[in-house]
C-alpha atoms as a PDB file:
ATOM      1  CA  MET A   1     -21.010 -13.527  10.657  1.00  0.00           C
ATOM      2  CA  LYS A   2     -17.531 -12.300  11.597  1.00  0.00           C
ATOM      3  CA  THR A   3     -16.541  -9.351  13.768  1.00  0.00           C
ATOM      4  CA  VAL A   4     -13.899  -7.246  12.044  1.00  0.00           C
ATOM      5  CA  GLY A   5     -11.929  -4.438  13.635  1.00  0.00           C
ATOM      6  CA  VAL A   6     -10.466  -1.867  11.238  1.00  0.00           C
ATOM      7  CA  ILE A   7      -7.526   0.261  12.399  1.00  0.00           C
ATOM      8  CA  GLY A   8      -7.225   3.345  10.197  1.00  0.00           C
ATOM      9  CA  ALA A   9     -10.177   5.282   8.768  1.00  0.00           C
ATOM     10  CA  GLY A  10      -8.614   6.510   5.558  1.00  0.00           C
ATOM     11  CA  SER A  11     -10.068   5.887   2.114  1.00  0.00           C
ATOM     12  CA  TRP A  12      -8.778   2.321   1.757  1.00  0.00           C
ATOM     13  CA  GLY A  13      -9.718   1.144   5.231  1.00  0.00           C
ATOM     14  CA  THR A  14     -13.207   2.562   4.749  1.00  0.00           C
ATOM     15  CA  ALA A  15     -13.636   0.984   1.316  1.00  0.00           C
ATOM     16  CA  LEU A  16     -12.607  -2.447   2.591  1.00  0.00           C
ATOM     17  CA  ALA A  17     -14.860  -2.054   5.629  1.00  0.00           C
ATOM     18  CA  THR A  18     -17.706  -1.433   3.184  1.00  0.00           C
ATOM     19  CA  VAL A  19     -16.879  -4.632   1.274  1.00  0.00           C
ATOM     20  CA  VAL A  20     -16.839  -6.780   4.414  1.00  0.00           C
ATOM     21  CA  ALA A  21     -19.875  -5.144   6.036  1.00  0.00           C
ATOM     22  CA  GLY A  22     -21.834  -5.588   2.815  1.00  0.00           C
ATOM     23  CA  LYS A  23     -21.536  -9.354   3.303  1.00  0.00           C
ATOM     24  CA  GLY A  24     -23.289  -9.150   6.682  1.00  0.00           C
ATOM     25  CA  ASN A  25     -20.216  -8.976   8.902  1.00  0.00           C
ATOM     26  CA  LYS A  26     -20.010  -6.645  11.896  1.00  0.00           C
ATOM     27  CA  VAL A  27     -17.308  -3.989  11.410  1.00  0.00           C
ATOM     28  CA  ARG A  28     -15.883  -1.478  13.868  1.00  0.00           C
ATOM     29  CA  ILE A  29     -13.573   1.292  12.617  1.00  0.00           C
ATOM     30  CA  TYR A  30     -11.061   3.088  14.829  1.00  0.00           C
ATOM     31  CA  ASP A  31      -8.644   5.912  14.001  1.00  0.00           C
ATOM     32  CA  VAL A  32      -6.343   8.077  16.120  1.00  0.00           C
ATOM     33  CA  ASP A  33      -8.066  11.176  14.676  1.00  0.00           C
ATOM     34  CA  GLU A  34     -11.116  11.518  16.932  1.00  0.00           C
ATOM     35  CA  LYS A  35     -12.448  14.544  15.036  1.00  0.00           C
ATOM     36  CA  HIS A  36     -12.440  12.494  11.839  1.00  0.00           C
ATOM     37  CA  LEU A  37     -14.297   9.659  13.566  1.00  0.00           C
ATOM     38  CA  LYS A  38     -16.966  12.040  14.831  1.00  0.00           C
ATOM     39  CA  SER A  39     -17.453  13.359  11.304  1.00  0.00           C
ATOM     40  CA  MET A  40     -17.887   9.804  10.002  1.00  0.00           C
ATOM     41  CA  GLU A  41     -20.384   9.011  12.745  1.00  0.00           C
ATOM     42  CA  GLU A  42     -22.358  12.205  12.130  1.00  0.00           C
ATOM     43  CA  HIS A  43     -22.499  11.953   8.331  1.00  0.00           C
ATOM     44  CA  ARG A  44     -22.406   8.141   8.066  1.00  0.00           C
ATOM     45  CA  GLU A  45     -19.820   8.732   5.359  1.00  0.00           C
ATOM     46  CA  ASN A  46     -16.068   9.298   5.168  1.00  0.00           C
ATOM     47  CA  VAL A  47     -16.471  12.836   3.870  1.00  0.00           C
ATOM     48  CA  ASP A  48     -12.750  13.614   4.140  1.00  0.00           C
ATOM     49  CA  TYR A  49     -11.261  10.651   2.278  1.00  0.00           C
ATOM     50  CA  LEU A  50     -14.032   8.664   0.549  1.00  0.00           C
ATOM     51  CA  PRO A  51     -16.913  11.037  -0.191  1.00  0.00           C
ATOM     52  CA  GLY A  52     -20.010   9.705  -1.869  1.00  0.00           C
ATOM     53  CA  VAL A  53     -19.785   6.233  -0.320  1.00  0.00           C
ATOM     54  CA  PRO A  54     -22.313   5.798   2.523  1.00  0.00           C
ATOM     55  CA  LEU A  55     -21.295   3.660   5.483  1.00  0.00           C
ATOM     56  CA  ASP A  56     -23.057   0.317   5.633  1.00  0.00           C
ATOM     57  CA  ASP A  57     -25.438  -0.193   8.559  1.00  0.00           C
ATOM     58  CA  ASN A  58     -23.119  -2.942   9.835  1.00  0.00           C
ATOM     59  CA  ILE A  59     -20.266  -0.437  10.325  1.00  0.00           C
ATOM     60  CA  GLU A  60     -19.795   1.090  13.775  1.00  0.00           C
ATOM     61  CA  ILE A  61     -17.426   3.874  14.775  1.00  0.00           C
ATOM     62  CA  ALA A  62     -15.144   3.020  17.719  1.00  0.00           C
ATOM     63  CA  TYR A  63     -13.185   5.530  19.769  1.00  0.00           C
ATOM     64  CA  SER A  64     -10.473   3.236  21.112  1.00  0.00           C
ATOM     65  CA  ASN A  65      -8.510   0.168  20.128  1.00  0.00           C
ATOM     66  CA  GLU A  66     -10.221  -1.730  22.928  1.00  0.00           C
ATOM     67  CA  ALA A  67     -13.711  -0.866  21.676  1.00  0.00           C
ATOM     68  CA  ALA A  68     -12.825  -1.710  18.066  1.00  0.00           C
ATOM     69  CA  LEU A  69     -11.132  -5.009  18.796  1.00  0.00           C
ATOM     70  CA  GLU A  70     -13.228  -6.618  21.529  1.00  0.00           C
ATOM     71  CA  GLY A  71     -14.161 -10.100  20.353  1.00  0.00           C
ATOM     72  CA  ALA A  72     -12.724  -9.474  16.869  1.00  0.00           C
ATOM     73  CA  ASP A  73     -12.260 -12.466  14.578  1.00  0.00           C
ATOM     74  CA  VAL A  74     -10.228 -10.357  12.148  1.00  0.00           C
ATOM     75  CA  VAL A  75      -8.231  -7.139  12.567  1.00  0.00           C
ATOM     76  CA  LEU A  76      -7.524  -5.107   9.432  1.00  0.00           C
ATOM     77  CA  PHE A  77      -4.698  -2.571   9.615  1.00  0.00           C
ATOM     78  CA  SER A  78      -5.013   0.300   7.161  1.00  0.00           C
ATOM     79  CA  ALA A  79      -2.618   2.745   8.807  1.00  0.00           C
ATOM     80  CA  PRO A  80       0.063   4.396   6.624  1.00  0.00           C
ATOM     81  CA  ALA A  81       3.138   2.199   6.293  1.00  0.00           C
ATOM     82  CA  GLN A  82       5.360   4.500   8.342  1.00  0.00           C
ATOM     83  CA  HIS A  83       2.841   4.313  11.217  1.00  0.00           C
ATOM     84  CA  PHE A  84       2.143   0.578  11.072  1.00  0.00           C
ATOM     85  CA  ARG A  85       4.642  -0.225  13.825  1.00  0.00           C
ATOM     86  CA  SER A  86       3.072   2.159  16.329  1.00  0.00           C
ATOM     87  CA  ALA A  87      -0.468   1.186  15.315  1.00  0.00           C
ATOM     88  CA  LEU A  88       0.230  -2.535  15.781  1.00  0.00           C
ATOM     89  CA  LYS A  89       1.955  -2.005  19.130  1.00  0.00           C
ATOM     90  CA  ALA A  90      -0.960   0.061  20.415  1.00  0.00           C
ATOM     91  CA  ALA A  91      -3.565  -2.457  19.241  1.00  0.00           C
ATOM     92  CA  LEU A  92      -1.809  -5.714  20.110  1.00  0.00           C
ATOM     93  CA  PRO A  93      -2.867  -5.915  23.793  1.00  0.00           C
ATOM     94  CA  TYR A  94      -6.501  -5.946  22.673  1.00  0.00           C
ATOM     95  CA  ILE A  95      -6.198  -8.474  19.817  1.00  0.00           C
ATOM     96  CA  PRO A  96      -7.282 -11.965  20.932  1.00  0.00           C
ATOM     97  CA  VAL A  97      -4.738 -14.694  20.230  1.00  0.00           C
ATOM     98  CA  GLY A  98      -5.974 -16.682  17.238  1.00  0.00           C
ATOM     99  CA  THR A  99      -7.391 -13.609  15.494  1.00  0.00           C
ATOM    100  CA  TYR A 100      -6.483 -13.074  11.855  1.00  0.00           C
ATOM    101  CA  ILE A 101      -4.431  -9.926  11.262  1.00  0.00           C
ATOM    102  CA  ILE A 102      -4.574  -8.514   7.741  1.00  0.00           C
ATOM    103  CA  ASN A 103      -2.483  -5.545   6.659  1.00  0.00           C
ATOM    104  CA  VAL A 104      -3.116  -3.426   3.571  1.00  0.00           C
ATOM    105  CA  ALA A 105      -0.358  -0.801   3.979  1.00  0.00           C
ATOM    106  CA  LYS A 106       2.139  -0.655   1.099  1.00  0.00           C
ATOM    107  CA  GLY A 107       5.605   0.540   1.980  1.00  0.00           C
ATOM    108  CA  ILE A 108       9.058  -0.075   3.437  1.00  0.00           C
ATOM    109  CA  GLU A 109       9.859   1.371   6.845  1.00  0.00           C
ATOM    110  CA  LYS A 110      12.381   4.189   6.816  1.00  0.00           C
ATOM    111  CA  GLY A 111      15.512   3.551   8.828  1.00  0.00           C
ATOM    112  CA  THR A 112      14.986  -0.182   9.353  1.00  0.00           C
ATOM    113  CA  HIS A 113      14.244  -0.993   5.658  1.00  0.00           C
ATOM    114  CA  LEU A 114      11.735  -3.593   6.862  1.00  0.00           C
ATOM    115  CA  ARG A 115       8.643  -4.752   5.031  1.00  0.00           C
ATOM    116  CA  MET A 116       5.375  -4.629   6.980  1.00  0.00           C
ATOM    117  CA  SER A 117       5.357  -8.378   7.687  1.00  0.00           C
ATOM    118  CA  GLN A 118       8.893  -8.138   9.061  1.00  0.00           C
ATOM    119  CA  ILE A 119       7.766  -5.392  11.424  1.00  0.00           C
ATOM    120  CA  ALA A 120       4.867  -7.561  12.549  1.00  0.00           C
ATOM    121  CA  GLU A 121       7.120 -10.573  13.066  1.00  0.00           C
ATOM    122  CA  GLU A 122       9.492  -8.470  15.159  1.00  0.00           C
ATOM    123  CA  ILE A 123       6.678  -7.101  17.338  1.00  0.00           C
ATOM    124  CA  PHE A 124       5.056 -10.518  17.808  1.00  0.00           C
ATOM    125  CA  ARG A 125       8.406 -11.973  18.859  1.00  0.00           C
ATOM    126  CA  GLU A 126       8.927  -9.180  21.402  1.00  0.00           C
ATOM    127  CA  ASP A 127       5.381  -9.782  22.685  1.00  0.00           C
ATOM    128  CA  GLY A 128       6.077 -13.474  23.153  1.00  0.00           C
ATOM    129  CA  THR A 129       3.427 -14.460  20.586  1.00  0.00           C
ATOM    130  CA  PRO A 130       5.399 -15.387  17.432  1.00  0.00           C
ATOM    131  CA  GLU A 131       2.625 -17.840  16.513  1.00  0.00           C
ATOM    132  CA  ARG A 132       0.535 -14.852  15.409  1.00  0.00           C
ATOM    133  CA  MET A 133       2.461 -14.881  12.108  1.00  0.00           C
ATOM    134  CA  GLU A 134       0.514 -18.036  11.197  1.00  0.00           C
ATOM    135  CA  ARG A 135      -2.562 -15.808  10.907  1.00  0.00           C
ATOM    136  CA  TYR A 136      -0.889 -12.747   9.382  1.00  0.00           C
ATOM    137  CA  VAL A 137      -2.076 -11.877   5.879  1.00  0.00           C
ATOM    138  CA  VAL A 138      -1.402  -9.123   3.336  1.00  0.00           C
ATOM    139  CA  LEU A 139      -3.985  -7.870   0.857  1.00  0.00           C
ATOM    140  CA  SER A 140      -2.675  -6.079  -2.228  1.00  0.00           C
ATOM    141  CA  GLY A 141      -3.315  -5.478  -5.915  1.00  0.00           C
ATOM    142  CA  PRO A 142      -4.635  -2.895  -8.396  1.00  0.00           C
ATOM    143  CA  SER A 143      -7.380  -1.378  -6.267  1.00  0.00           C
ATOM    144  CA  HIS A 144      -8.280   2.274  -5.831  1.00  0.00           C
ATOM    145  CA  ALA A 145     -10.531   2.878  -2.828  1.00  0.00           C
ATOM    146  CA  GLU A 146     -12.728   5.214  -4.853  1.00  0.00           C
ATOM    147  CA  GLU A 147     -13.675   2.382  -7.217  1.00  0.00           C
ATOM    148  CA  VAL A 148     -13.984  -0.337  -4.573  1.00  0.00           C
ATOM    149  CA  GLY A 149     -16.300   1.913  -2.542  1.00  0.00           C
ATOM    150  CA  ARG A 150     -18.519   2.328  -5.616  1.00  0.00           C
ATOM    151  CA  LYS A 151     -18.561  -1.452  -6.128  1.00  0.00           C
ATOM    152  CA  LEU A 152     -16.724  -1.322  -9.458  1.00  0.00           C
ATOM    153  CA  PRO A 153     -15.130  -4.677 -10.429  1.00  0.00           C
ATOM    154  CA  THR A 154     -11.748  -5.107  -8.734  1.00  0.00           C
ATOM    155  CA  THR A 155      -9.329  -8.007  -8.343  1.00  0.00           C
ATOM    156  CA  VAL A 156      -6.671  -8.361  -5.643  1.00  0.00           C
ATOM    157  CA  ALA A 157      -4.649 -11.068  -3.885  1.00  0.00           C
ATOM    158  CA  THR A 158      -4.132 -12.175  -0.308  1.00  0.00           C
ATOM    159  CA  ALA A 159      -0.668 -13.376   0.675  1.00  0.00           C
ATOM    160  CA  SER A 160       0.554 -15.251   3.730  1.00  0.00           C
ATOM    161  CA  GLY A 161       3.222 -17.717   4.746  1.00  0.00           C
ATOM    162  CA  ASN A 162       0.262 -19.889   5.756  1.00  0.00           C
ATOM    163  CA  VAL A 163      -1.873 -20.727   2.729  1.00  0.00           C
ATOM    164  CA  TYR A 164      -4.882 -21.468   4.944  1.00  0.00           C
ATOM    165  CA  ALA A 165      -4.771 -17.969   6.407  1.00  0.00           C
ATOM    166  CA  ALA A 166      -4.648 -16.475   2.900  1.00  0.00           C
ATOM    167  CA  GLN A 167      -7.646 -18.599   1.921  1.00  0.00           C
ATOM    168  CA  ALA A 168      -9.584 -17.576   5.037  1.00  0.00           C
ATOM    169  CA  MET A 169      -9.160 -13.904   4.134  1.00  0.00           C
ATOM    170  CA  GLN A 170     -10.021 -14.703   0.521  1.00  0.00           C
ATOM    171  CA  ASP A 171     -13.343 -16.050   1.782  1.00  0.00           C
ATOM    172  CA  LEU A 172     -13.931 -12.999   3.984  1.00  0.00           C
ATOM    173  CA  PHE A 173     -13.445 -10.413   1.239  1.00  0.00           C
ATOM    174  CA  ILE A 174     -14.517 -12.064  -2.020  1.00  0.00           C
ATOM    175  CA  THR A 175     -17.744 -10.826  -3.643  1.00  0.00           C
ATOM    176  CA  ASP A 176     -19.185 -10.653  -7.145  1.00  0.00           C
ATOM    177  CA  ARG A 177     -17.468  -7.242  -7.475  1.00  0.00           C
ATOM    178  CA  PHE A 178     -14.300  -7.885  -5.455  1.00  0.00           C
ATOM    179  CA  ARG A 179     -12.443 -10.973  -6.667  1.00  0.00           C
ATOM    180  CA  VAL A 180      -9.601 -12.303  -4.501  1.00  0.00           C
ATOM    181  CA  TYR A 181      -6.769 -14.680  -5.427  1.00  0.00           C
ATOM    182  CA  THR A 182      -4.250 -16.205  -2.992  1.00  0.00           C
ATOM    183  CA  THR A 183      -0.474 -16.554  -2.980  1.00  0.00           C
ATOM    184  CA  GLU A 184       2.247 -17.601  -0.545  1.00  0.00           C
ATOM    185  CA  ASP A 185       4.820 -15.131  -1.889  1.00  0.00           C
ATOM    186  CA  LEU A 186       4.612 -12.605   0.930  1.00  0.00           C
ATOM    187  CA  VAL A 187       7.958 -11.012  -0.019  1.00  0.00           C
ATOM    188  CA  GLY A 188       7.005 -10.433  -3.652  1.00  0.00           C
ATOM    189  CA  VAL A 189       3.545  -9.090  -2.868  1.00  0.00           C
ATOM    190  CA  GLU A 190       4.864  -6.619  -0.297  1.00  0.00           C
ATOM    191  CA  LEU A 191       7.724  -5.397  -2.471  1.00  0.00           C
ATOM    192  CA  GLY A 192       5.531  -5.040  -5.541  1.00  0.00           C
ATOM    193  CA  GLY A 193       3.000  -2.990  -3.604  1.00  0.00           C
ATOM    194  CA  ALA A 194       5.628  -0.780  -2.004  1.00  0.00           C
ATOM    195  CA  LEU A 195       7.997  -0.131  -4.884  1.00  0.00           C
ATOM    196  CA  LYS A 196       5.360   0.604  -7.530  1.00  0.00           C
ATOM    197  CA  ASN A 197       4.578   3.818  -5.627  1.00  0.00           C
ATOM    198  CA  ILE A 198       8.065   5.088  -6.474  1.00  0.00           C
ATOM    199  CA  ILE A 199       7.547   4.389 -10.166  1.00  0.00           C
ATOM    200  CA  ALA A 200       4.135   6.070  -9.986  1.00  0.00           C
ATOM    201  CA  LEU A 201       5.831   9.211  -8.685  1.00  0.00           C
ATOM    202  CA  GLY A 202       8.139   9.025 -11.682  1.00  0.00           C
ATOM    203  CA  ALA A 203       5.217   8.493 -14.067  1.00  0.00           C
ATOM    204  CA  GLY A 204       3.551  11.565 -12.635  1.00  0.00           C
ATOM    205  CA  ILE A 205       6.733  13.613 -12.967  1.00  0.00           C
ATOM    206  CA  SER A 206       6.987  12.506 -16.600  1.00  0.00           C
ATOM    207  CA  ASP A 207       3.377  13.559 -17.226  1.00  0.00           C
ATOM    208  CA  GLY A 208       3.893  16.851 -15.434  1.00  0.00           C
ATOM    209  CA  MET A 209       6.883  17.641 -17.631  1.00  0.00           C
ATOM    210  CA  GLY A 210       4.769  17.048 -20.723  1.00  0.00           C
ATOM    211  CA  PHE A 211       6.420  13.848 -21.892  1.00  0.00           C
ATOM    212  CA  GLY A 212       4.263  11.418 -23.833  1.00  0.00           C
ATOM    213  CA  ASP A 213       3.067   7.848 -23.661  1.00  0.00           C
ATOM    214  CA  ASN A 214       6.393   6.522 -24.955  1.00  0.00           C
ATOM    215  CA  ALA A 215       8.281   7.870 -21.971  1.00  0.00           C
ATOM    216  CA  LYS A 216       5.751   6.578 -19.452  1.00  0.00           C
ATOM    217  CA  ALA A 217       5.637   3.119 -21.018  1.00  0.00           C
ATOM    218  CA  ALA A 218       9.431   2.906 -20.851  1.00  0.00           C
ATOM    219  CA  LEU A 219       9.462   4.144 -17.261  1.00  0.00           C
ATOM    220  CA  MET A 220       6.889   1.578 -16.160  1.00  0.00           C
ATOM    221  CA  THR A 221       8.589  -1.304 -17.988  1.00  0.00           C
ATOM    222  CA  ARG A 222      12.101  -0.539 -16.805  1.00  0.00           C
ATOM    223  CA  GLY A 223      10.725   0.274 -13.368  1.00  0.00           C
ATOM    224  CA  LEU A 224       9.209  -3.190 -13.151  1.00  0.00           C
ATOM    225  CA  THR A 225      12.575  -4.630 -14.176  1.00  0.00           C
ATOM    226  CA  GLU A 226      14.343  -3.072 -11.218  1.00  0.00           C
ATOM    227  CA  ILE A 227      11.505  -3.905  -8.816  1.00  0.00           C
ATOM    228  CA  THR A 228      11.865  -7.543  -9.899  1.00  0.00           C
ATOM    229  CA  ARG A 229      15.651  -7.364  -9.597  1.00  0.00           C
ATOM    230  CA  LEU A 230      15.448  -6.294  -5.933  1.00  0.00           C
ATOM    231  CA  GLY A 231      12.626  -8.733  -5.256  1.00  0.00           C
ATOM    232  CA  LEU A 232      14.574 -11.736  -6.513  1.00  0.00           C
ATOM    233  CA  LYS A 233      17.571 -10.711  -4.418  1.00  0.00           C
ATOM    234  CA  LEU A 234      15.330 -10.676  -1.338  1.00  0.00           C
ATOM    235  CA  GLY A 235      13.722 -14.055  -2.039  1.00  0.00           C
ATOM    236  CA  ALA A 236      10.558 -13.208  -3.990  1.00  0.00           C
ATOM    237  CA  LYS A 237       9.245 -15.274  -6.897  1.00  0.00           C
ATOM    238  CA  GLN A 238       9.634 -13.777 -10.367  1.00  0.00           C
ATOM    239  CA  GLU A 239       6.107 -14.705 -11.446  1.00  0.00           C
ATOM    240  CA  THR A 240       4.639 -12.557  -8.666  1.00  0.00           C
ATOM    241  CA  PHE A 241       5.860  -9.410 -10.420  1.00  0.00           C
ATOM    242  CA  ALA A 242       3.988 -10.415 -13.587  1.00  0.00           C
ATOM    243  CA  GLY A 243       0.754 -10.737 -11.604  1.00  0.00           C
ATOM    244  CA  LEU A 244      -1.851  -8.561  -9.932  1.00  0.00           C
ATOM    245  CA  THR A 245       0.383  -7.334  -7.136  1.00  0.00           C
ATOM    246  CA  GLY A 246       3.226  -6.531  -9.527  1.00  0.00           C
ATOM    247  CA  THR A 247       2.326  -5.487 -13.066  1.00  0.00           C
ATOM    248  CA  GLY A 248      -1.338  -4.967 -12.221  1.00  0.00           C
ATOM    249  CA  ASP A 249      -0.724  -2.621  -9.316  1.00  0.00           C
ATOM    250  CA  LEU A 250       2.008  -0.798 -11.256  1.00  0.00           C
ATOM    251  CA  ILE A 251      -0.319  -0.108 -14.206  1.00  0.00           C
ATOM    252  CA  VAL A 252      -3.180   1.273 -12.144  1.00  0.00           C
ATOM    253  CA  THR A 253      -0.960   3.438  -9.952  1.00  0.00           C
ATOM    254  CA  CYS A 254       1.019   4.922 -12.831  1.00  0.00           C
ATOM    255  CA  THR A 255      -1.972   5.728 -15.040  1.00  0.00           C
ATOM    256  CA  SER A 256      -4.871   6.779 -12.804  1.00  0.00           C
ATOM    257  CA  MET A 257      -5.677  10.176 -11.345  1.00  0.00           C
ATOM    258  CA  HIS A 258      -6.965   8.338  -8.273  1.00  0.00           C
ATOM    259  CA  SER A 259      -3.284   7.623  -7.528  1.00  0.00           C
ATOM    260  CA  ARG A 260      -2.000  10.135  -5.005  1.00  0.00           C
ATOM    261  CA  ASN A 261       1.589   9.174  -5.925  1.00  0.00           C
ATOM    262  CA  ARG A 262       1.007   9.998  -9.580  1.00  0.00           C
ATOM    263  CA  ARG A 263      -0.826  13.230  -8.718  1.00  0.00           C
ATOM    264  CA  CYS A 264       2.047  14.278  -6.469  1.00  0.00           C
ATOM    265  CA  GLY A 265       4.526  13.476  -9.235  1.00  0.00           C
ATOM    266  CA  ILE A 266       2.585  15.530 -11.771  1.00  0.00           C
ATOM    267  CA  MET A 267       2.839  18.598  -9.571  1.00  0.00           C
ATOM    268  CA  ILE A 268       6.572  18.052  -9.045  1.00  0.00           C
ATOM    269  CA  GLY A 269       7.018  17.665 -12.803  1.00  0.00           C
ATOM    270  CA  GLU A 270       5.184  20.951 -13.307  1.00  0.00           C
ATOM    271  CA  GLY A 271       7.738  22.673 -11.072  1.00  0.00           C
ATOM    272  CA  MET A 272       6.180  22.531  -7.614  1.00  0.00           C
ATOM    273  CA  ALA A 273       8.463  21.789  -4.655  1.00  0.00           C
ATOM    274  CA  PRO A 274       8.071  18.172  -3.445  1.00  0.00           C
ATOM    275  CA  GLU A 275       6.940  19.139   0.066  1.00  0.00           C
ATOM    276  CA  GLU A 276       4.356  21.545  -1.384  1.00  0.00           C
ATOM    277  CA  ALA A 277       3.051  18.848  -3.727  1.00  0.00           C
ATOM    278  CA  VAL A 278       2.617  16.422  -0.836  1.00  0.00           C
ATOM    279  CA  ALA A 279       0.707  19.054   1.147  1.00  0.00           C
ATOM    280  CA  LYS A 280      -1.578  19.733  -1.810  1.00  0.00           C
ATOM    281  CA  VAL A 281      -2.426  16.042  -2.237  1.00  0.00           C
ATOM    282  CA  GLY A 282      -3.769  16.158   1.319  1.00  0.00           C
ATOM    283  CA  MET A 283      -3.144  12.485   2.097  1.00  0.00           C
ATOM    284  CA  VAL A 284      -0.091  10.345   2.773  1.00  0.00           C
ATOM    285  CA  VAL A 285       2.063   9.894  -0.348  1.00  0.00           C
ATOM    286  CA  GLU A 286       3.703   6.575   0.477  1.00  0.00           C
ATOM    287  CA  GLY A 287       6.133   6.722  -2.452  1.00  0.00           C
ATOM    288  CA  MET A 288       7.932   9.704  -0.937  1.00  0.00           C
ATOM    289  CA  PHE A 289       8.919   7.646   2.110  1.00  0.00           C
ATOM    290  CA  THR A 290       9.461   4.380   0.257  1.00  0.00           C
ATOM    291  CA  ALA A 291      11.817   6.057  -2.238  1.00  0.00           C
ATOM    292  CA  GLU A 292      14.267   6.813   0.552  1.00  0.00           C
ATOM    293  CA  ALA A 293      13.976   3.355   2.120  1.00  0.00           C
ATOM    294  CA  ALA A 294      14.297   1.566  -1.241  1.00  0.00           C
ATOM    295  CA  TYR A 295      17.229   3.720  -2.305  1.00  0.00           C
ATOM    296  CA  GLU A 296      19.109   2.750   0.858  1.00  0.00           C
ATOM    297  CA  LEU A 297      18.031  -0.903   0.709  1.00  0.00           C
ATOM    298  CA  ALA A 298      19.225  -1.231  -2.898  1.00  0.00           C
ATOM    299  CA  LYS A 299      22.645   0.082  -1.880  1.00  0.00           C
ATOM    300  CA  ILE A 300      22.835  -2.358   1.037  1.00  0.00           C
ATOM    301  CA  GLU A 301      21.855  -5.290  -1.198  1.00  0.00           C
ATOM    302  CA  GLY A 302      24.080  -4.201  -4.093  1.00  0.00           C
ATOM    303  CA  VAL A 303      21.156  -4.029  -6.537  1.00  0.00           C
ATOM    304  CA  GLU A 304      21.206  -1.513  -9.390  1.00  0.00           C
ATOM    305  CA  MET A 305      17.998   0.582  -9.409  1.00  0.00           C
ATOM    306  CA  PRO A 306      18.678   3.692 -11.525  1.00  0.00           C
ATOM    307  CA  ILE A 307      15.060   4.852 -11.773  1.00  0.00           C
ATOM    308  CA  THR A 308      14.576   4.576  -8.029  1.00  0.00           C
ATOM    309  CA  ASP A 309      17.836   6.469  -7.528  1.00  0.00           C
ATOM    310  CA  VAL A 310      16.842   9.456  -9.637  1.00  0.00           C
ATOM    311  CA  ILE A 311      13.268   9.612  -8.314  1.00  0.00           C
ATOM    312  CA  TYR A 312      14.611   9.645  -4.770  1.00  0.00           C
ATOM    313  CA  ASN A 313      17.018  12.452  -5.667  1.00  0.00           C
ATOM    314  CA  VAL A 314      14.237  14.461  -7.326  1.00  0.00           C
ATOM    315  CA  THR A 315      11.805  14.013  -4.430  1.00  0.00           C
ATOM    316  CA  ASN A 316      14.386  15.006  -1.830  1.00  0.00           C
ATOM    317  CA  GLY A 317      15.176  18.125  -3.819  1.00  0.00           C
ATOM    318  CA  THR A 318      18.829  17.405  -4.637  1.00  0.00           C
ATOM    319  CA  VAL A 319      18.297  16.950  -8.392  1.00  0.00           C
ATOM    320  CA  LYS A 320      16.041  18.774 -10.855  1.00  0.00           C
ATOM    321  CA  ALA A 321      13.568  16.599 -12.758  1.00  0.00           C
ATOM    322  CA  SER A 322      15.021  17.735 -16.106  1.00  0.00           C
ATOM    323  CA  ASP A 323      18.527  16.700 -15.024  1.00  0.00           C
ATOM    324  CA  ALA A 324      17.206  13.334 -13.819  1.00  0.00           C
ATOM    325  CA  VAL A 325      15.691  12.601 -17.233  1.00  0.00           C
ATOM    326  CA  GLU A 326      18.964  13.449 -18.946  1.00  0.00           C
ATOM    327  CA  ALA A 327      20.877  11.202 -16.545  1.00  0.00           C
ATOM    328  CA  LEU A 328      18.589   8.238 -17.266  1.00  0.00           C
ATOM    329  CA  MET A 329      18.571   8.712 -21.023  1.00  0.00           C
ATOM    330  CA  ASN A 330      22.342   9.022 -21.241  1.00  0.00           C
ATOM    331  CA  ARG A 331      23.295   5.963 -19.184  1.00  0.00           C
ATOM    332  CA  GLU A 332      25.753   3.572 -20.813  1.00  0.00           C
ATOM    333  CA  ARG A 333      24.346   1.258 -23.455  1.00  0.00           C
ATOM    334  CA  LYS A 334      23.130  -2.128 -22.257  1.00  0.00           C
ATOM    335  CA  HIS A 335      21.388  -5.305 -23.410  1.00  0.00           C
ATOM    336  CA  GLU A 336      17.736  -5.185 -22.300  1.00  0.00           C
ATOM    337  CA  GLN A 337      18.011  -8.378 -20.255  1.00  0.00           C
ATOM    338  CA  GLU A 338      21.314  -7.364 -18.661  1.00  0.00           C
END
């Protein structure tokens, strides 16, 4: 039996806690929102973000990093991507050296343009414990919390620069309803998970404007092309983007109403202001932040990403969705593999 500390009591952190606790492991969940924690403790359910999924008896509610992480064999970070840096810094003093750290946030940090593993590496280096990266793992793939919590069949991947760490987390999470593969392509897995949220916003905007399946299929396909283009420039493996954490995650996020990015995009496409759409979703819409970071990163790297460009301009309110569609459709003619 392992002791697992979970930092972040949103829908995804709770769903994964349920998976691990269901295998007999001891899980402690901590979140900065104390009122939310008290609600979870009272109802034995995450009423706010994952209703209908009872908390396993092996799940405890913790009211501090110290209480959640004491004696932890594994620490799972499920904080929003833009808050991962602060969450890791706050938790690090209480994480025993030698503990596995697994992160499930999908995004690119605004301002620094860093992936989550790069943030972790930077913080570990500043802390004087760079060896922690040997036990740093990412979990990603096509996986809505609502379905994982209900034990519907789901398949994901763990990624790490250390294959043994990826395999250790594979063993921790895998069940007959939650299948886990491993990979060493940390760059590709993180970029696929982050950038697909931008395309999902675009898919939602397309749906909200009343466009059909043809438009969405084209958006997803060409979106994957530019995700791959940036990924290869940054050192990812091309085959990763054809796998679970690339194509798989893109499909589920662009087509499901569980996807908060798609839901936000639908409302924008229907004419709602971006900030109002985000507020109505009621949870963090990672694609809104990642669009800005990816837009800037693409310019720095000299990578052409026209879909990302227009989605960023629509979400920041500088371009109307109808004008963005016209701009994409009237770009100069090209060979598909160009």
